[in-house]
C-alpha atoms as a PDB file:
ATOM      1  CA  LYS A   1       0.000   0.001   0.000  1.00  0.00           C
ATOM      2  CA  HIS A   2       0.984   3.664   0.046  1.00  0.00           C
ATOM      3  CA  ASN A   3       2.173   3.795   3.664  1.00  0.00           C
ATOM      4  CA  PHE A   4       0.458   7.167   4.090  1.00  0.00           C
ATOM      5  CA  PRO A   5      -2.601   7.710   6.288  1.00  0.00           C
ATOM      6  CA  THR A   6      -5.988   8.283   4.646  1.00  0.00           C
ATOM      7  CA  LEU A   7      -9.519   8.581   5.926  1.00  0.00           C
ATOM      8  CA  ILE A   8     -12.078   5.961   4.948  1.00  0.00           C
ATOM      9  CA  ASN A   9     -13.589   6.578   1.468  1.00  0.00           C
ATOM     10  CA  SER A  10     -10.338   8.145   0.216  1.00  0.00           C
ATOM     11  CA  ASP A  11      -8.309   7.156  -2.851  1.00  0.00           C
ATOM     12  CA  VAL A  12      -4.647   7.929  -3.570  1.00  0.00           C
ATOM     13  CA  ILE A  13      -4.605   9.378  -7.102  1.00  0.00           C
ATOM     14  CA  SER A  14      -0.846   9.832  -7.387  1.00  0.00           C
ATOM     15  CA  ASP A  15       2.231   9.144  -5.277  1.00  0.00           C
ATOM     16  CA  ILE A  16       5.483  10.614  -6.600  1.00  0.00           C
ATOM     17  CA  HIS A  17       8.860  10.177  -4.915  1.00  0.00           C
ATOM     18  CA  SER A  18      11.920  12.340  -5.578  1.00  0.00           C
ATOM     19  CA  ASN A  19      15.445  12.164  -4.201  1.00  0.00           C
ATOM     20  CA  ASP A  20      18.447  14.452  -4.283  1.00  0.00           C
ATOM     21  CA  ILE A  21      21.749  14.527  -2.421  1.00  0.00           C
ATOM     22  CA  TYR A  22      20.291  15.992   0.789  1.00  0.00           C
ATOM     23  CA  LYS A  23      16.558  15.297   0.833  1.00  0.00           C
ATOM     24  CA  ASN A  24      13.856  12.798  -0.074  1.00  0.00           C
ATOM     25  CA  GLY A  25      10.588  14.219  -1.340  1.00  0.00           C
ATOM     26  CA  ARG A  26       7.163  12.731  -1.739  1.00  0.00           C
ATOM     27  CA  THR A  27       4.014  14.283  -3.183  1.00  0.00           C
ATOM     28  CA  LEU A  28       0.650  12.568  -2.881  1.00  0.00           C
ATOM     29  CA  THR A  29      -2.696  13.559  -4.319  1.00  0.00           C
ATOM     30  CA  ILE A  30      -5.695  12.066  -2.546  1.00  0.00           C
ATOM     31  CA  ALA A  31      -9.417  12.286  -3.352  1.00  0.00           C
ATOM     32  CA  SER A  32     -11.702  11.935  -0.337  1.00  0.00           C
ATOM     33  CA  LYS A  33     -15.466  11.784   0.011  1.00  0.00           C
ATOM     34  CA  GLN A  34     -15.077  13.188   3.540  1.00  0.00           C
ATOM     35  CA  SER A  35     -15.353  16.925   4.241  1.00  0.00           C
ATOM     36  CA  VAL A  36     -12.462  19.388   4.194  1.00  0.00           C
ATOM     37  CA  SER A  37     -12.690  19.805   7.979  1.00  0.00           C
ATOM     38  CA  ALA A  38     -12.810  16.035   8.645  1.00  0.00           C
ATOM     39  CA  ASN A  39      -9.652  15.570   6.550  1.00  0.00           C
ATOM     40  CA  TYR A  40      -7.959  18.629   8.055  1.00  0.00           C
ATOM     41  CA  TYR A  41      -8.461  17.417  11.632  1.00  0.00           C
ATOM     42  CA  PHE A  42      -7.574  13.816  10.697  1.00  0.00           C
ATOM     43  CA  TYR A  43      -4.164  14.828   9.288  1.00  0.00           C
ATOM     44  CA  ARG A  44      -3.532  17.472  11.936  1.00  0.00           C
ATOM     45  CA  ASN A  45      -4.198  15.017  14.773  1.00  0.00           C
ATOM     46  CA  TYR A  46      -2.320  12.179  13.060  1.00  0.00           C
ATOM     47  CA  PHE A  47       0.894  14.155  12.608  1.00  0.00           C
ATOM     48  CA  LEU A  48       0.709  15.877  16.013  1.00  0.00           C
ATOM     49  CA  GLN A  49       0.409  12.432  17.641  1.00  0.00           C
ATOM     50  CA  GLN A  50       3.527  11.385  15.690  1.00  0.00           C
ATOM     51  CA  GLY A  51       5.498  14.233  17.295  1.00  0.00           C
ATOM     52  CA  TRP A  52       5.258  16.781  14.458  1.00  0.00           C
ATOM     53  CA  ILE A  53       4.817  20.486  15.302  1.00  0.00           C
ATOM     54  CA  GLU A  54       2.125  22.589  13.630  1.00  0.00           C
ATOM     55  CA  ASN A  55       3.632  25.664  11.927  1.00  0.00           C
ATOM     56  CA  ILE A  56       0.586  26.752   9.941  1.00  0.00           C
ATOM     57  CA  GLY A  57      -3.034  25.718  10.290  1.00  0.00           C
ATOM     58  CA  LEU A  58      -5.723  27.402   8.199  1.00  0.00           C
ATOM     59  CA  LEU A  59      -9.252  26.040   7.864  1.00  0.00           C
ATOM     60  CA  GLU A  60     -11.761  27.992   5.768  1.00  0.00           C
ATOM     61  CA  THR A  61     -14.827  25.754   5.647  1.00  0.00           C
ATOM     62  CA  SER A  62     -16.973  28.519   4.088  1.00  0.00           C
ATOM     63  CA  ILE A  63     -14.882  28.375   0.902  1.00  0.00           C
ATOM     64  CA  GLY A  64     -13.913  24.701   1.150  1.00  0.00           C
ATOM     65  CA  THR A  65     -10.162  25.086   1.608  1.00  0.00           C
ATOM     66  CA  ALA A  66      -7.572  24.400   4.267  1.00  0.00           C
ATOM     67  CA  ALA A  67      -3.803  24.247   4.631  1.00  0.00           C
ATOM     68  CA  LEU A  68      -1.445  22.662   7.117  1.00  0.00           C
ATOM     69  CA  GLN A  69       2.295  22.841   7.516  1.00  0.00           C
ATOM     70  CA  LEU A  70       4.010  20.686  10.110  1.00  0.00           C
ATOM     71  CA  SER A  71       7.647  20.018  10.891  1.00  0.00           C
ATOM     72  CA  LYS A  72       9.698  17.492  12.813  1.00  0.00           C
ATOM     73  CA  GLY A  73      13.340  18.510  13.059  1.00  0.00           C
ATOM     74  CA  ALA A  74      14.410  19.380   9.501  1.00  0.00           C
ATOM     75  CA  ASP A  75      11.517  17.397   7.964  1.00  0.00           C
ATOM     76  CA  VAL A  76       8.504  19.328   6.683  1.00  0.00           C
ATOM     77  CA  ILE A  77       5.073  18.386   5.367  1.00  0.00           C
ATOM     78  CA  ASP A  78       2.709  20.770   3.591  1.00  0.00           C
ATOM     79  CA  ILE A  79      -0.879  19.633   3.061  1.00  0.00           C
ATOM     80  CA  SER A  80      -3.540  21.532   1.121  1.00  0.00           C
ATOM     81  CA  PHE A  81      -7.245  20.687   1.011  1.00  0.00           C
ATOM     82  CA  ASN A  82      -9.708  21.863  -1.655  1.00  0.00           C
ATOM     83  CA  LYS A  83     -13.351  20.896  -2.120  1.00  0.00           C
ATOM     84  CA  ALA A  84     -14.762  20.440  -5.634  1.00  0.00           C
ATOM     85  CA  ASN A  85     -17.948  18.621  -6.677  1.00  0.00           C
ATOM     86  CA  ASP A  86     -18.418  16.974  -3.257  1.00  0.00           C
ATOM     87  CA  VAL A  87     -14.855  15.637  -3.295  1.00  0.00           C
ATOM     88  CA  THR A  88     -12.035  16.908  -1.076  1.00  0.00           C
ATOM     89  CA  TYR A  89      -8.737  16.935  -2.966  1.00  0.00           C
ATOM     90  CA  ILE A  90      -5.674  16.704  -0.756  1.00  0.00           C
ATOM     91  CA  VAL A  91      -2.118  17.393  -1.876  1.00  0.00           C
ATOM     92  CA  ALA A  92       0.563  16.398   0.610  1.00  0.00           C
ATOM     93  CA  ASN A  93       4.191  17.340  -0.006  1.00  0.00           C
ATOM     94  CA  LYS A  94       6.662  15.766   2.426  1.00  0.00           C
ATOM     95  CA  VAL A  95      10.369  16.667   2.423  1.00  0.00           C
ATOM     96  CA  MET A  96      12.647  14.576   4.624  1.00  0.00           C
ATOM     97  CA  GLU A  97      16.361  14.771   5.374  1.00  0.00           C
ATOM     98  CA  ARG A  98      18.234  11.852   3.857  1.00  0.00           C
ATOM     99  CA  GLN A  99      19.395   9.354   6.467  1.00  0.00           C
END
């Protein structure tokens, strides 16, 4: 599987990995039948429980968008949420230091 958390009724549309000398990157696009806020709180709580720190948290349910940025040491994840046609589209970009 994709080894990335998703809410029930969610599908991973794409999962792209990139590597350079210093960092490993990963960008996922996920389509979810759950609301923007349900997805926002799911990912926020998931990463906070894993020891990540919230840098940015914006939830605008009235316009169907949200954004999260979390970090753990030098690792960063940016997640955006956008609602279209009763589907929440999630783009997660994770950049990790190479081990």
